[in-house]
Amino acid sequence: MEKETGINAIFIAAISGLESGWGTSSMAKSKNNLFGYGNMRFESKAHSIETVSRALKKNYLSKNGKFFKGYSTTDVSYYYCPNSD
């Protein structure tokens, strides 16, 4: 997904790890949902990563994106996870 979206793979891995307790959350186990993305069920963990990577690119990391504030992790977190420290 890094090649397709330009989003650093380590950044995606960090988000999915944090959101899913490194794959131990109930959503990760029962729905392959590594991000708590909606309440969606994915056919695989790879599909979860693909879907969220594309959504991050479209909504957070594109100038015309709904939640675009800039390109840094701080910019993304402004809307993506505003209450985390």
PDB file of N, CA and C in Angstrom:
ATOM      1  N   MET A   1       0.825  -1.198   0.000  1.00  0.00           N
ATOM      2  CA  MET A   1       0.000   0.000   0.000  1.00  0.00           C
ATOM      3  C   MET A   1       0.864   1.254   0.000  1.00  0.00           C
ATOM      4  N   GLU A   2       2.070   1.136   0.533  1.00  0.00           N
ATOM      5  CA  GLU A   2       2.948   2.300   0.508  1.00  0.00           C
ATOM      6  C   GLU A   2       3.203   2.741  -0.934  1.00  0.00           C
ATOM      7  N   LYS A   3       3.444   1.774  -1.827  1.00  0.00           N
ATOM      8  CA  LYS A   3       3.694   2.123  -3.235  1.00  0.00           C
ATOM      9  C   LYS A   3       2.473   2.756  -3.873  1.00  0.00           C
ATOM     10  N   GLU A   4       1.292   2.235  -3.573  1.00  0.00           N
ATOM     11  CA  GLU A   4       0.074   2.757  -4.188  1.00  0.00           C
ATOM     12  C   GLU A   4      -0.322   4.126  -3.639  1.00  0.00           C
ATOM     13  N   THR A   5      -0.273   4.290  -2.318  1.00  0.00           N
ATOM     14  CA  THR A   5      -0.798   5.515  -1.701  1.00  0.00           C
ATOM     15  C   THR A   5       0.270   6.538  -1.345  1.00  0.00           C
ATOM     16  N   GLY A   6       1.517   6.079  -1.225  1.00  0.00           N
ATOM     17  CA  GLY A   6       2.582   6.973  -0.791  1.00  0.00           C
ATOM     18  C   GLY A   6       2.645   7.152   0.718  1.00  0.00           C
ATOM     19  N   ILE A   7       1.781   6.447   1.450  1.00  0.00           N
ATOM     20  CA  ILE A   7       1.778   6.530   2.905  1.00  0.00           C
ATOM     21  C   ILE A   7       2.808   5.549   3.450  1.00  0.00           C
ATOM     22  N   ASN A   8       3.658   6.017   4.307  1.00  0.00           N
ATOM     23  CA  ASN A   8       4.714   5.193   4.883  1.00  0.00           C
ATOM     24  C   ASN A   8       4.128   3.951   5.551  1.00  0.00           C
ATOM     25  N   ALA A   9       4.686   2.787   5.202  1.00  0.00           N
ATOM     26  CA  ALA A   9       4.191   1.517   5.735  1.00  0.00           C
ATOM     27  C   ALA A   9       4.324   1.442   7.255  1.00  0.00           C
ATOM     28  N   ILE A  10       5.355   2.054   7.795  1.00  0.00           N
ATOM     29  CA  ILE A  10       5.535   2.043   9.252  1.00  0.00           C
ATOM     30  C   ILE A  10       4.415   2.841   9.924  1.00  0.00           C
ATOM     31  N   PHE A  11       3.996   3.918   9.301  1.00  0.00           N
ATOM     32  CA  PHE A  11       2.895   4.719   9.828  1.00  0.00           C
ATOM     33  C   PHE A  11       1.596   3.896   9.851  1.00  0.00           C
ATOM     34  N   ILE A  12       1.323   3.190   8.759  1.00  0.00           N
ATOM     35  CA  ILE A  12       0.124   2.347   8.699  1.00  0.00           C
ATOM     36  C   ILE A  12       0.212   1.232   9.738  1.00  0.00           C
ATOM     37  N   ALA A  13       1.385   0.610   9.851  1.00  0.00           N
ATOM     38  CA  ALA A  13       1.567  -0.462  10.844  1.00  0.00           C
ATOM     39  C   ALA A  13       1.365   0.072  12.256  1.00  0.00           C
ATOM     40  N   ALA A  14       1.859   1.269  12.527  1.00  0.00           N
ATOM     41  CA  ALA A  14       1.710   1.857  13.861  1.00  0.00           C
ATOM     42  C   ALA A  14       0.246   2.127  14.190  1.00  0.00           C
ATOM     43  N   ILE A  15      -0.478   2.675  13.233  1.00  0.00           N
ATOM     44  CA  ILE A  15      -1.905   2.945  13.473  1.00  0.00           C
ATOM     45  C   ILE A  15      -2.658   1.632  13.712  1.00  0.00           C
ATOM     46  N   SER A  16      -2.426   0.653  12.842  1.00  0.00           N
ATOM     47  CA  SER A  16      -3.155  -0.611  12.991  1.00  0.00           C
ATOM     48  C   SER A  16      -2.779  -1.311  14.292  1.00  0.00           C
ATOM     49  N   GLY A  17      -1.514  -1.236  14.670  1.00  0.00           N
ATOM     50  CA  GLY A  17      -1.080  -1.842  15.928  1.00  0.00           C
ATOM     51  C   GLY A  17      -1.736  -1.182  17.129  1.00  0.00           C
ATOM     52  N   LEU A  18      -1.744   0.132  17.127  1.00  0.00           N
ATOM     53  CA  LEU A  18      -2.352   0.880  18.225  1.00  0.00           C
ATOM     54  C   LEU A  18      -3.856   0.622  18.295  1.00  0.00           C
ATOM     55  N   GLU A  19      -4.514   0.693  17.140  1.00  0.00           N
ATOM     56  CA  GLU A  19      -5.968   0.550  17.100  1.00  0.00           C
ATOM     57  C   GLU A  19      -6.435  -0.868  17.448  1.00  0.00           C
ATOM     58  N   SER A  20      -5.623  -1.875  17.146  1.00  0.00           N
ATOM     59  CA  SER A  20      -6.066  -3.265  17.319  1.00  0.00           C
ATOM     60  C   SER A  20      -5.377  -3.991  18.464  1.00  0.00           C
ATOM     61  N   GLY A  21      -4.570  -3.277  19.245  1.00  0.00           N
ATOM     62  CA  GLY A  21      -3.816  -3.962  20.297  1.00  0.00           C
ATOM     63  C   GLY A  21      -2.885  -5.002  19.695  1.00  0.00           C
ATOM     64  N   TRP A  22      -2.262  -4.620  18.574  1.00  0.00           N
ATOM     65  CA  TRP A  22      -1.354  -5.504  17.838  1.00  0.00           C
ATOM     66  C   TRP A  22      -2.044  -6.806  17.448  1.00  0.00           C
ATOM     67  N   GLY A  23      -3.286  -6.637  16.937  1.00  0.00           N
ATOM     68  CA  GLY A  23      -4.029  -7.764  16.400  1.00  0.00           C
ATOM     69  C   GLY A  23      -4.805  -8.563  17.423  1.00  0.00           C
ATOM     70  N   THR A  24      -4.866  -8.085  18.670  1.00  0.00           N
ATOM     71  CA  THR A  24      -5.536  -8.849  19.724  1.00  0.00           C
ATOM     72  C   THR A  24      -6.956  -8.375  20.022  1.00  0.00           C
ATOM     73  N   SER A  25      -7.384  -7.269  19.436  1.00  0.00           N
ATOM     74  CA  SER A  25      -8.733  -6.767  19.714  1.00  0.00           C
ATOM     75  C   SER A  25      -9.777  -7.725  19.151  1.00  0.00           C
ATOM     76  N   SER A  26     -10.970  -7.647  19.683  1.00  0.00           N
ATOM     77  CA  SER A  26     -12.047  -8.517  19.206  1.00  0.00           C
ATOM     78  C   SER A  26     -12.374  -8.228  17.744  1.00  0.00           C
ATOM     79  N   MET A  27     -12.315  -6.958  17.341  1.00  0.00           N
ATOM     80  CA  MET A  27     -12.600  -6.620  15.950  1.00  0.00           C
ATOM     81  C   MET A  27     -11.529  -7.170  15.014  1.00  0.00           C
ATOM     82  N   ALA A  28     -10.285  -7.129  15.456  1.00  0.00           N
ATOM     83  CA  ALA A  28      -9.202  -7.672  14.632  1.00  0.00           C
ATOM     84  C   ALA A  28      -9.377  -9.175  14.455  1.00  0.00           C
ATOM     85  N   LYS A  29      -9.750  -9.831  15.528  1.00  0.00           N
ATOM     86  CA  LYS A  29      -9.887 -11.291  15.482  1.00  0.00           C
ATOM     87  C   LYS A  29     -11.145 -11.753  14.743  1.00  0.00           C
ATOM     88  N   SER A  30     -12.272 -11.117  15.009  1.00  0.00           N
ATOM     89  CA  SER A  30     -13.530 -11.607  14.445  1.00  0.00           C
ATOM     90  C   SER A  30     -13.899 -10.989  13.104  1.00  0.00           C
ATOM     91  N   LYS A  31     -13.371  -9.787  12.829  1.00  0.00           N
ATOM     92  CA  LYS A  31     -13.769  -9.087  11.608  1.00  0.00           C
ATOM     93  C   LYS A  31     -12.594  -8.700  10.722  1.00  0.00           C
ATOM     94  N   ASN A  32     -11.366  -9.089  11.093  1.00  0.00           N
ATOM     95  CA  ASN A  32     -10.159  -8.687  10.352  1.00  0.00           C
ATOM     96  C   ASN A  32     -10.035  -7.166  10.270  1.00  0.00           C
ATOM     97  N   ASN A  33     -10.637  -6.469  11.206  1.00  0.00           N
ATOM     98  CA  ASN A  33     -10.651  -5.008  11.208  1.00  0.00           C
ATOM     99  C   ASN A  33      -9.561  -4.515  12.159  1.00  0.00           C
ATOM    100  N   LEU A  34      -8.420  -4.153  11.579  1.00  0.00           N
ATOM    101  CA  LEU A  34      -7.265  -3.747  12.379  1.00  0.00           C
ATOM    102  C   LEU A  34      -7.308  -2.300  12.844  1.00  0.00           C
ATOM    103  N   PHE A  35      -8.304  -1.556  12.395  1.00  0.00           N
ATOM    104  CA  PHE A  35      -8.335  -0.127  12.676  1.00  0.00           C
ATOM    105  C   PHE A  35      -9.583   0.315  13.430  1.00  0.00           C
ATOM    106  N   GLY A  36     -10.502  -0.584  13.691  1.00  0.00           N
ATOM    107  CA  GLY A  36     -11.778  -0.170  14.258  1.00  0.00           C
ATOM    108  C   GLY A  36     -12.519   0.703  13.271  1.00  0.00           C
ATOM    109  N   TYR A  37     -12.311   0.458  11.997  1.00  0.00           N
ATOM    110  CA  TYR A  37     -12.851   1.281  10.922  1.00  0.00           C
ATOM    111  C   TYR A  37     -14.326   0.974  10.732  1.00  0.00           C
ATOM    112  N   GLY A  38     -15.151   1.924  11.159  1.00  0.00           N
ATOM    113  CA  GLY A  38     -16.581   1.681  11.154  1.00  0.00           C
ATOM    114  C   GLY A  38     -16.843   0.472  12.033  1.00  0.00           C
ATOM    115  N   ASN A  39     -17.756  -0.324  11.672  1.00  0.00           N
ATOM    116  CA  ASN A  39     -17.950  -1.611  12.337  1.00  0.00           C
ATOM    117  C   ASN A  39     -17.861  -2.674  11.249  1.00  0.00           C
ATOM    118  N   MET A  40     -16.945  -2.434  10.321  1.00  0.00           N
ATOM    119  CA  MET A  40     -16.860  -3.241   9.113  1.00  0.00           C
ATOM    120  C   MET A  40     -16.177  -4.584   9.347  1.00  0.00           C
ATOM    121  N   ARG A  41     -16.604  -5.557   8.564  1.00  0.00           N
ATOM    122  CA  ARG A  41     -15.952  -6.862   8.503  1.00  0.00           C
ATOM    123  C   ARG A  41     -15.180  -6.902   7.180  1.00  0.00           C
ATOM    124  N   PHE A  42     -13.919  -7.277   7.259  1.00  0.00           N
ATOM    125  CA  PHE A  42     -13.084  -7.374   6.071  1.00  0.00           C
ATOM    126  C   PHE A  42     -12.800  -8.839   5.765  1.00  0.00           C
ATOM    127  N   GLU A  43     -12.614  -9.137   4.491  1.00  0.00           N
ATOM    128  CA  GLU A  43     -12.339 -10.521   4.094  1.00  0.00           C
ATOM    129  C   GLU A  43     -10.966 -10.986   4.565  1.00  0.00           C
ATOM    130  N   SER A  44     -10.072 -10.041   4.835  1.00  0.00           N
ATOM    131  CA  SER A  44      -8.736 -10.375   5.333  1.00  0.00           C
ATOM    132  C   SER A  44      -8.148  -9.149   6.025  1.00  0.00           C
ATOM    133  N   LYS A  45      -7.102  -9.357   6.778  1.00  0.00           N
ATOM    134  CA  LYS A  45      -6.410  -8.231   7.405  1.00  0.00           C
ATOM    135  C   LYS A  45      -5.771  -7.347   6.343  1.00  0.00           C
ATOM    136  N   ALA A  46      -5.288  -7.972   5.272  1.00  0.00           N
ATOM    137  CA  ALA A  46      -4.725  -7.195   4.157  1.00  0.00           C
ATOM    138  C   ALA A  46      -5.781  -6.277   3.548  1.00  0.00           C
ATOM    139  N   HIS A  47      -7.016  -6.760   3.429  1.00  0.00           N
ATOM    140  CA  HIS A  47      -8.102  -5.938   2.890  1.00  0.00           C
ATOM    141  C   HIS A  47      -8.392  -4.756   3.819  1.00  0.00           C
ATOM    142  N   SER A  48      -8.310  -4.975   5.116  1.00  0.00           N
ATOM    143  CA  SER A  48      -8.478  -3.902   6.088  1.00  0.00           C
ATOM    144  C   SER A  48      -7.407  -2.824   5.868  1.00  0.00           C
ATOM    145  N   ILE A  49      -6.178  -3.253   5.716  1.00  0.00           N
ATOM    146  CA  ILE A  49      -5.068  -2.320   5.499  1.00  0.00           C
ATOM    147  C   ILE A  49      -5.251  -1.563   4.192  1.00  0.00           C
ATOM    148  N   GLU A  50      -5.650  -2.253   3.136  1.00  0.00           N
ATOM    149  CA  GLU A  50      -5.877  -1.599   1.844  1.00  0.00           C
ATOM    150  C   GLU A  50      -6.968  -0.535   1.946  1.00  0.00           C
ATOM    151  N   THR A  51      -8.085  -0.897   2.544  1.00  0.00           N
ATOM    152  CA  THR A  51      -9.227   0.013   2.650  1.00  0.00           C
ATOM    153  C   THR A  51      -8.875   1.262   3.448  1.00  0.00           C
ATOM    154  N   VAL A  52      -8.260   1.082   4.598  1.00  0.00           N
ATOM    155  CA  VAL A  52      -7.941   2.226   5.457  1.00  0.00           C
ATOM    156  C   VAL A  52      -6.826   3.070   4.851  1.00  0.00           C
ATOM    157  N   SER A  53      -5.861   2.449   4.208  1.00  0.00           N
ATOM    158  CA  SER A  53      -4.797   3.220   3.544  1.00  0.00           C
ATOM    159  C   SER A  53      -5.376   4.123   2.470  1.00  0.00           C
ATOM    160  N   ARG A  54      -6.275   3.585   1.682  1.00  0.00           N
ATOM    161  CA  ARG A  54      -6.909   4.397   0.631  1.00  0.00           C
ATOM    162  C   ARG A  54      -7.759   5.513   1.233  1.00  0.00           C
ATOM    163  N   ALA A  55      -8.462   5.217   2.323  1.00  0.00           N
ATOM    164  CA  ALA A  55      -9.277   6.245   2.986  1.00  0.00           C
ATOM    165  C   ALA A  55      -8.400   7.343   3.591  1.00  0.00           C
ATOM    166  N   LEU A  56      -7.287   6.951   4.191  1.00  0.00           N
ATOM    167  CA  LEU A  56      -6.362   7.953   4.736  1.00  0.00           C
ATOM    168  C   LEU A  56      -5.839   8.850   3.625  1.00  0.00           C
ATOM    169  N   LYS A  57      -5.451   8.256   2.510  1.00  0.00           N
ATOM    170  CA  LYS A  57      -4.938   9.033   1.382  1.00  0.00           C
ATOM    171  C   LYS A  57      -5.998  10.013   0.874  1.00  0.00           C
ATOM    172  N   LYS A  58      -7.205   9.510   0.666  1.00  0.00           N
ATOM    173  CA  LYS A  58      -8.280  10.335   0.113  1.00  0.00           C
ATOM    174  C   LYS A  58      -8.737  11.424   1.071  1.00  0.00           C
ATOM    175  N   ASN A  59      -8.970  11.070   2.334  1.00  0.00           N
ATOM    176  CA  ASN A  59      -9.614  11.995   3.264  1.00  0.00           C
ATOM    177  C   ASN A  59      -8.665  12.827   4.112  1.00  0.00           C
ATOM    178  N   TYR A  60      -7.471  12.323   4.387  1.00  0.00           N
ATOM    179  CA  TYR A  60      -6.553  12.999   5.315  1.00  0.00           C
ATOM    180  C   TYR A  60      -5.278  13.523   4.649  1.00  0.00           C
ATOM    181  N   LEU A  61      -4.884  12.924   3.533  1.00  0.00           N
ATOM    182  CA  LEU A  61      -3.587  13.264   2.951  1.00  0.00           C
ATOM    183  C   LEU A  61      -3.680  13.783   1.522  1.00  0.00           C
ATOM    184  N   SER A  62      -4.826  14.258   1.132  1.00  0.00           N
ATOM    185  CA  SER A  62      -5.018  14.899  -0.166  1.00  0.00           C
ATOM    186  C   SER A  62      -5.561  16.299   0.090  1.00  0.00           C
ATOM    187  N   LYS A  63      -5.031  17.263  -0.628  1.00  0.00           N
ATOM    188  CA  LYS A  63      -5.413  18.658  -0.378  1.00  0.00           C
ATOM    189  C   LYS A  63      -6.909  18.904  -0.434  1.00  0.00           C
ATOM    190  N   ASN A  64      -7.623  18.139  -1.231  1.00  0.00           N
ATOM    191  CA  ASN A  64      -9.079  18.310  -1.301  1.00  0.00           C
ATOM    192  C   ASN A  64      -9.810  17.330  -0.382  1.00  0.00           C
ATOM    193  N   GLY A  65      -9.081  16.640   0.474  1.00  0.00           N
ATOM    194  CA  GLY A  65      -9.684  15.672   1.390  1.00  0.00           C
ATOM    195  C   GLY A  65     -10.509  16.337   2.482  1.00  0.00           C
ATOM    196  N   LYS A  66     -11.521  15.637   2.896  1.00  0.00           N
ATOM    197  CA  LYS A  66     -12.456  16.125   3.908  1.00  0.00           C
ATOM    198  C   LYS A  66     -11.754  16.526   5.210  1.00  0.00           C
ATOM    199  N   PHE A  67     -10.685  15.802   5.589  1.00  0.00           N
ATOM    200  CA  PHE A  67      -9.996  16.047   6.853  1.00  0.00           C
ATOM    201  C   PHE A  67      -8.540  16.464   6.656  1.00  0.00           C
ATOM    202  N   PHE A  68      -8.223  17.050   5.514  1.00  0.00           N
ATOM    203  CA  PHE A  68      -6.838  17.445   5.245  1.00  0.00           C
ATOM    204  C   PHE A  68      -6.423  18.636   6.099  1.00  0.00           C
ATOM    205  N   LYS A  69      -5.308  18.493   6.765  1.00  0.00           N
ATOM    206  CA  LYS A  69      -4.717  19.597   7.531  1.00  0.00           C
ATOM    207  C   LYS A  69      -3.245  19.758   7.169  1.00  0.00           C
ATOM    208  N   GLY A  70      -2.656  18.732   6.555  1.00  0.00           N
ATOM    209  CA  GLY A  70      -1.251  18.725   6.177  1.00  0.00           C
ATOM    210  C   GLY A  70      -0.774  17.294   6.039  1.00  0.00           C
ATOM    211  N   TYR A  71       0.532  17.139   5.905  1.00  0.00           N
ATOM    212  CA  TYR A  71       1.084  15.827   5.586  1.00  0.00           C
ATOM    213  C   TYR A  71       1.796  15.129   6.736  1.00  0.00           C
ATOM    214  N   SER A  72       1.947  15.759   7.853  1.00  0.00           N
ATOM    215  CA  SER A  72       2.684  15.134   8.959  1.00  0.00           C
ATOM    216  C   SER A  72       1.757  14.238   9.787  1.00  0.00           C
ATOM    217  N   THR A  73       2.360  13.422  10.632  1.00  0.00           N
ATOM    218  CA  THR A  73       1.556  12.591  11.533  1.00  0.00           C
ATOM    219  C   THR A  73       0.735  13.472  12.469  1.00  0.00           C
ATOM    220  N   THR A  74       1.281  14.582  12.872  1.00  0.00           N
ATOM    221  CA  THR A  74       0.548  15.527  13.727  1.00  0.00           C
ATOM    222  C   THR A  74      -0.667  16.078  12.987  1.00  0.00           C
ATOM    223  N   ASP A  75      -0.481  16.397  11.708  1.00  0.00           N
ATOM    224  CA  ASP A  75      -1.597  16.910  10.901  1.00  0.00           C
ATOM    225  C   ASP A  75      -2.706  15.873  10.767  1.00  0.00           C
ATOM    226  N   VAL A  76      -2.338  14.627  10.493  1.00  0.00           N
ATOM    227  CA  VAL A  76      -3.337  13.559  10.358  1.00  0.00           C
ATOM    228  C   VAL A  76      -4.071  13.362  11.678  1.00  0.00           C
ATOM    229  N   SER A  77      -3.336  13.356  12.779  1.00  0.00           N
ATOM    230  CA  SER A  77      -3.962  13.083  14.073  1.00  0.00           C
ATOM    231  C   SER A  77      -4.880  14.205  14.540  1.00  0.00           C
ATOM    232  N   TYR A  78      -4.772  15.380  13.932  1.00  0.00           N
ATOM    233  CA  TYR A  78      -5.628  16.492  14.314  1.00  0.00           C
ATOM    234  C   TYR A  78      -7.103  16.094  14.217  1.00  0.00           C
ATOM    235  N   TYR A  79      -7.468  15.381  13.146  1.00  0.00           N
ATOM    236  CA  TYR A  79      -8.841  14.910  12.972  1.00  0.00           C
ATOM    237  C   TYR A  79      -8.985  13.419  13.231  1.00  0.00           C
ATOM    238  N   TYR A  80      -7.968  12.641  12.888  1.00  0.00           N
ATOM    239  CA  TYR A  80      -8.085  11.181  12.979  1.00  0.00           C
ATOM    240  C   TYR A  80      -8.206  10.706  14.423  1.00  0.00           C
ATOM    241  N   CYS A  81      -7.407  11.260  15.274  1.00  0.00           N
ATOM    242  CA  CYS A  81      -7.420  10.833  16.684  1.00  0.00           C
ATOM    243  C   CYS A  81      -7.110  12.048  17.559  1.00  0.00           C
ATOM    244  N   PRO A  82      -8.023  12.999  17.598  1.00  0.00           N
ATOM    245  CA  PRO A  82      -7.728  14.290  18.208  1.00  0.00           C
ATOM    246  C   PRO A  82      -7.489  14.268  19.719  1.00  0.00           C
ATOM    247  N   ASN A  83      -7.928  13.261  20.423  1.00  0.00           N
ATOM    248  CA  ASN A  83      -7.782  13.266  21.879  1.00  0.00           C
ATOM    249  C   ASN A  83      -6.619  12.425  22.398  1.00  0.00           C
ATOM    250  N   SER A  84      -5.788  11.905  21.506  1.00  0.00           N
ATOM    251  CA  SER A  84      -4.668  11.080  21.960  1.00  0.00           C
ATOM    252  C   SER A  84      -3.442  11.943  22.227  1.00  0.00           C
ATOM    253  N   ASP A  85      -2.627  11.502  23.155  1.00  0.00           N
ATOM    254  CA  ASP A  85      -1.390  12.222  23.473  1.00  0.00           C
ATOM    255  C   ASP A  85      -0.226  11.292  23.329  1.00  0.00           C
TER     256      ASP A  85
END
